[in-house]
């Protein structure tokens, strides 16, 4: 399945969704992230990394497991269960 098909967030049903790209970002990847075309997922490339990021509710998930995702808090950048902001 192509990463560039238009995904819909399984949580908030928004179509404000972008693919998550992993690895050390070069100039082109940084530009795409700044334009909001992709979300940078970090340098750690693992099999169970999320593939999609909802820009509306910040939910991240894999295509094959849409309801097993995670929420990333903007304030601290941590996964919901690891957040220390509250």
N, C-alpha and C. Protein backbone atom coordinates (compact mmCIF):
# COMPACT_ATOMS: atom_id res chain seq x y z
N UNK A 1 0.84 -1.17 0.00
CA UNK A 1 0.00 0.00 0.00
C UNK A 1 0.89 1.23 0.00
N UNK A 2 0.58 2.19 -0.82
CA UNK A 2 1.38 3.41 -0.92
C UNK A 2 1.21 4.28 0.31
N UNK A 3 2.31 4.88 0.76
CA UNK A 3 2.26 5.79 1.89
C UNK A 3 1.55 7.08 1.51
N UNK A 4 1.32 7.33 0.26
CA UNK A 4 0.79 8.62 -0.17
C UNK A 4 -0.70 8.60 -0.43
N UNK A 5 -1.41 7.54 -0.06
CA UNK A 5 -2.86 7.59 -0.18
C UNK A 5 -3.38 8.45 0.97
N UNK A 6 -4.57 9.00 0.83
CA UNK A 6 -5.10 9.90 1.85
C UNK A 6 -5.73 9.10 2.98
N UNK A 7 -5.10 9.12 4.14
CA UNK A 7 -5.59 8.41 5.31
C UNK A 7 -6.59 9.26 6.07
N UNK A 8 -7.41 8.61 6.88
CA UNK A 8 -8.36 9.27 7.77
C UNK A 8 -8.05 8.80 9.18
N UNK A 9 -8.00 9.74 10.12
CA UNK A 9 -7.69 9.39 11.51
C UNK A 9 -8.78 8.49 12.09
N UNK A 10 -8.39 7.34 12.64
CA UNK A 10 -9.38 6.43 13.22
C UNK A 10 -9.99 6.96 14.52
N UNK A 11 -9.40 7.98 15.13
CA UNK A 11 -9.90 8.52 16.39
C UNK A 11 -10.84 9.71 16.15
N UNK A 12 -10.36 10.75 15.48
CA UNK A 12 -11.17 11.96 15.32
C UNK A 12 -11.82 12.07 13.94
N UNK A 13 -11.50 11.14 13.05
CA UNK A 13 -12.07 11.07 11.69
C UNK A 13 -11.63 12.23 10.79
N UNK A 14 -10.58 12.94 11.18
CA UNK A 14 -10.03 14.03 10.37
C UNK A 14 -9.26 13.46 9.19
N UNK A 15 -9.24 14.19 8.08
CA UNK A 15 -8.39 13.80 6.96
C UNK A 15 -7.13 14.66 6.93
N UNK A 16 -6.84 15.34 8.04
CA UNK A 16 -5.65 16.17 8.20
C UNK A 16 -4.51 15.27 8.69
N UNK A 17 -4.16 14.29 7.87
CA UNK A 17 -3.23 13.21 8.22
C UNK A 17 -2.05 13.23 7.27
N UNK A 18 -0.85 13.00 7.82
CA UNK A 18 0.36 12.92 7.00
C UNK A 18 1.15 11.67 7.36
N UNK A 19 1.95 11.17 6.42
CA UNK A 19 2.80 10.02 6.75
C UNK A 19 3.93 10.43 7.69
N UNK A 20 4.38 9.48 8.49
CA UNK A 20 5.53 9.70 9.38
C UNK A 20 6.75 9.12 8.67
N UNK A 21 7.79 9.92 8.58
CA UNK A 21 9.05 9.48 7.96
C UNK A 21 10.10 9.35 9.04
N UNK A 22 10.91 8.29 8.94
CA UNK A 22 11.93 7.99 9.92
C UNK A 22 13.32 8.07 9.30
N UNK A 23 14.32 8.24 10.14
CA UNK A 23 15.70 8.32 9.69
C UNK A 23 16.22 9.73 9.88
N UNK A 24 17.52 9.90 9.68
CA UNK A 24 18.12 11.22 9.81
C UNK A 24 17.64 12.10 8.66
N UNK A 25 16.96 13.21 8.96
CA UNK A 25 16.37 14.03 7.90
C UNK A 25 17.40 14.88 7.17
N UNK A 26 17.39 14.76 5.85
CA UNK A 26 18.19 15.64 5.02
C UNK A 26 17.40 16.90 4.71
N UNK A 27 17.93 17.73 3.83
CA UNK A 27 17.30 19.00 3.49
C UNK A 27 15.88 18.82 2.97
N UNK A 28 15.68 17.89 2.04
CA UNK A 28 14.36 17.68 1.43
C UNK A 28 13.33 17.22 2.46
N UNK A 29 13.74 16.31 3.34
CA UNK A 29 12.84 15.80 4.37
C UNK A 29 12.46 16.93 5.34
N UNK A 30 13.42 17.77 5.71
CA UNK A 30 13.15 18.90 6.59
C UNK A 30 12.17 19.88 5.94
N UNK A 31 12.36 20.13 4.65
CA UNK A 31 11.47 21.03 3.92
C UNK A 31 10.04 20.49 3.89
N UNK A 32 9.89 19.18 3.61
CA UNK A 32 8.57 18.56 3.58
C UNK A 32 7.90 18.64 4.95
N UNK A 33 8.68 18.46 6.01
CA UNK A 33 8.13 18.55 7.37
C UNK A 33 7.69 19.99 7.68
N UNK A 34 8.50 20.96 7.29
CA UNK A 34 8.16 22.36 7.53
C UNK A 34 6.90 22.76 6.76
N UNK A 35 6.69 22.18 5.59
CA UNK A 35 5.49 22.47 4.80
C UNK A 35 4.28 21.66 5.27
N UNK A 36 4.48 20.76 6.24
CA UNK A 36 3.38 19.97 6.78
C UNK A 36 2.99 18.78 5.91
N UNK A 37 3.87 18.38 5.01
CA UNK A 37 3.59 17.24 4.12
C UNK A 37 3.92 15.90 4.75
N UNK A 38 4.84 15.91 5.73
CA UNK A 38 5.21 14.70 6.47
C UNK A 38 5.39 15.08 7.94
N UNK A 39 5.47 14.08 8.79
CA UNK A 39 5.80 14.26 10.21
C UNK A 39 7.09 13.50 10.46
N UNK A 40 8.06 14.13 11.09
CA UNK A 40 9.33 13.47 11.38
C UNK A 40 9.17 12.57 12.60
N UNK A 41 9.53 11.30 12.45
CA UNK A 41 9.34 10.31 13.51
C UNK A 41 10.60 9.99 14.29
N UNK A 42 11.73 10.57 13.92
CA UNK A 42 12.97 10.31 14.63
C UNK A 42 13.87 9.35 13.86
N UNK A 43 15.03 9.11 14.40
CA UNK A 43 16.05 8.30 13.72
C UNK A 43 15.91 6.80 13.98
N UNK A 44 15.18 6.43 15.02
CA UNK A 44 15.04 5.01 15.35
C UNK A 44 14.00 4.37 14.43
N UNK A 45 14.46 3.48 13.56
CA UNK A 45 13.57 2.80 12.63
C UNK A 45 13.29 1.41 13.18
N UNK A 46 12.04 1.21 13.62
CA UNK A 46 11.64 -0.06 14.20
C UNK A 46 10.40 -0.58 13.47
N UNK A 47 10.21 -1.87 13.51
CA UNK A 47 9.11 -2.50 12.78
C UNK A 47 7.73 -2.01 13.24
N UNK A 48 7.59 -1.69 14.53
CA UNK A 48 6.27 -1.32 15.05
C UNK A 48 6.06 0.19 15.14
N UNK A 49 6.91 0.98 14.48
CA UNK A 49 6.71 2.43 14.48
C UNK A 49 5.40 2.80 13.78
N UNK A 50 4.74 3.84 14.27
CA UNK A 50 3.52 4.32 13.58
C UNK A 50 3.86 4.83 12.18
N UNK A 51 2.90 4.73 11.27
CA UNK A 51 3.09 5.19 9.89
C UNK A 51 2.39 6.51 9.61
N UNK A 52 1.38 6.86 10.43
CA UNK A 52 0.54 8.03 10.17
C UNK A 52 0.45 8.93 11.38
N UNK A 53 0.35 10.23 11.14
CA UNK A 53 0.22 11.23 12.19
C UNK A 53 -0.97 12.14 11.85
N UNK A 54 -1.92 12.25 12.79
CA UNK A 54 -3.05 13.16 12.62
C UNK A 54 -2.65 14.52 13.16
N UNK A 55 -2.67 15.53 12.29
CA UNK A 55 -2.30 16.88 12.71
C UNK A 55 -3.41 17.54 13.52
N UNK A 56 -4.60 16.97 13.55
CA UNK A 56 -5.70 17.54 14.33
C UNK A 56 -5.67 17.09 15.79
N UNK A 57 -5.55 15.78 16.03
CA UNK A 57 -5.59 15.28 17.42
C UNK A 57 -4.26 14.67 17.88
N UNK A 58 -3.25 14.59 16.99
CA UNK A 58 -1.90 14.10 17.29
C UNK A 58 -1.85 12.61 17.58
N UNK A 59 -2.83 11.88 17.07
CA UNK A 59 -2.83 10.42 17.19
C UNK A 59 -1.90 9.85 16.12
N UNK A 60 -1.13 8.81 16.44
CA UNK A 60 -0.23 8.15 15.51
C UNK A 60 -0.52 6.66 15.50
N UNK A 61 -0.52 6.04 14.30
CA UNK A 61 -0.90 4.64 14.19
C UNK A 61 -0.29 3.99 12.96
N UNK A 62 -0.36 2.66 12.95
CA UNK A 62 0.03 1.86 11.79
C UNK A 62 -1.21 1.57 10.95
N UNK A 63 -1.03 1.46 9.66
CA UNK A 63 -2.14 1.19 8.75
C UNK A 63 -2.87 -0.08 9.14
N UNK A 64 -2.14 -1.14 9.46
CA UNK A 64 -2.74 -2.44 9.76
C UNK A 64 -3.35 -2.51 11.16
N UNK A 65 -3.03 -1.56 12.04
CA UNK A 65 -3.52 -1.57 13.43
C UNK A 65 -3.97 -0.16 13.83
N UNK A 66 -5.03 0.34 13.21
CA UNK A 66 -5.41 1.74 13.43
C UNK A 66 -5.85 2.09 14.85
N UNK A 67 -6.29 1.12 15.63
CA UNK A 67 -6.77 1.43 16.98
C UNK A 67 -5.76 1.08 18.07
N UNK A 68 -4.54 0.71 17.67
CA UNK A 68 -3.47 0.40 18.62
C UNK A 68 -2.40 1.49 18.62
N UNK A 69 -2.80 2.72 18.36
CA UNK A 69 -1.85 3.82 18.24
C UNK A 69 -1.55 4.52 19.55
N UNK A 70 -1.07 5.75 19.40
CA UNK A 70 -0.68 6.53 20.57
C UNK A 70 -0.92 8.01 20.29
N UNK A 71 -1.05 8.78 21.36
CA UNK A 71 -1.23 10.23 21.26
C UNK A 71 0.07 10.87 21.73
N UNK A 72 0.55 11.85 20.95
CA UNK A 72 1.76 12.59 21.30
C UNK A 72 1.34 13.98 21.78
N UNK A 73 1.77 14.36 22.98
CA UNK A 73 1.44 15.68 23.52
C UNK A 73 2.37 16.73 22.93
N UNK A 74 1.81 17.82 22.46
CA UNK A 74 2.60 18.90 21.88
C UNK A 74 3.45 19.61 22.92
N UNK A 75 2.94 19.74 24.13
CA UNK A 75 3.65 20.49 25.16
C UNK A 75 5.03 19.89 25.47
N UNK A 76 5.09 18.58 25.61
CA UNK A 76 6.35 17.95 25.99
C UNK A 76 6.89 16.99 24.92
N UNK A 77 6.08 16.65 23.92
CA UNK A 77 6.52 15.72 22.89
C UNK A 77 6.52 14.28 23.32
N UNK A 78 5.96 13.99 24.49
CA UNK A 78 5.94 12.63 25.03
C UNK A 78 4.67 11.88 24.62
N UNK A 79 4.75 10.56 24.64
CA UNK A 79 3.58 9.72 24.43
C UNK A 79 2.66 9.88 25.63
N UNK A 80 1.36 9.82 25.42
CA UNK A 80 0.36 10.09 26.44
C UNK A 80 0.68 9.48 27.80
N UNK A 81 0.98 8.19 27.85
CA UNK A 81 1.21 7.55 29.15
C UNK A 81 2.54 7.95 29.80
N UNK A 82 3.46 8.57 29.05
CA UNK A 82 4.74 9.01 29.60
C UNK A 82 4.78 10.51 29.93
N UNK A 83 3.69 11.21 29.68
CA UNK A 83 3.66 12.67 29.84
C UNK A 83 3.80 13.07 31.31
N UNK A 84 4.64 14.06 31.55
CA UNK A 84 4.87 14.57 32.90
C UNK A 84 4.26 15.97 33.07
N UNK A 85 3.57 16.48 32.06
CA UNK A 85 3.03 17.84 32.09
C UNK A 85 1.83 18.00 33.02
N UNK A 86 1.09 16.95 33.22
CA UNK A 86 -0.16 17.06 33.98
C UNK A 86 0.07 17.23 35.45
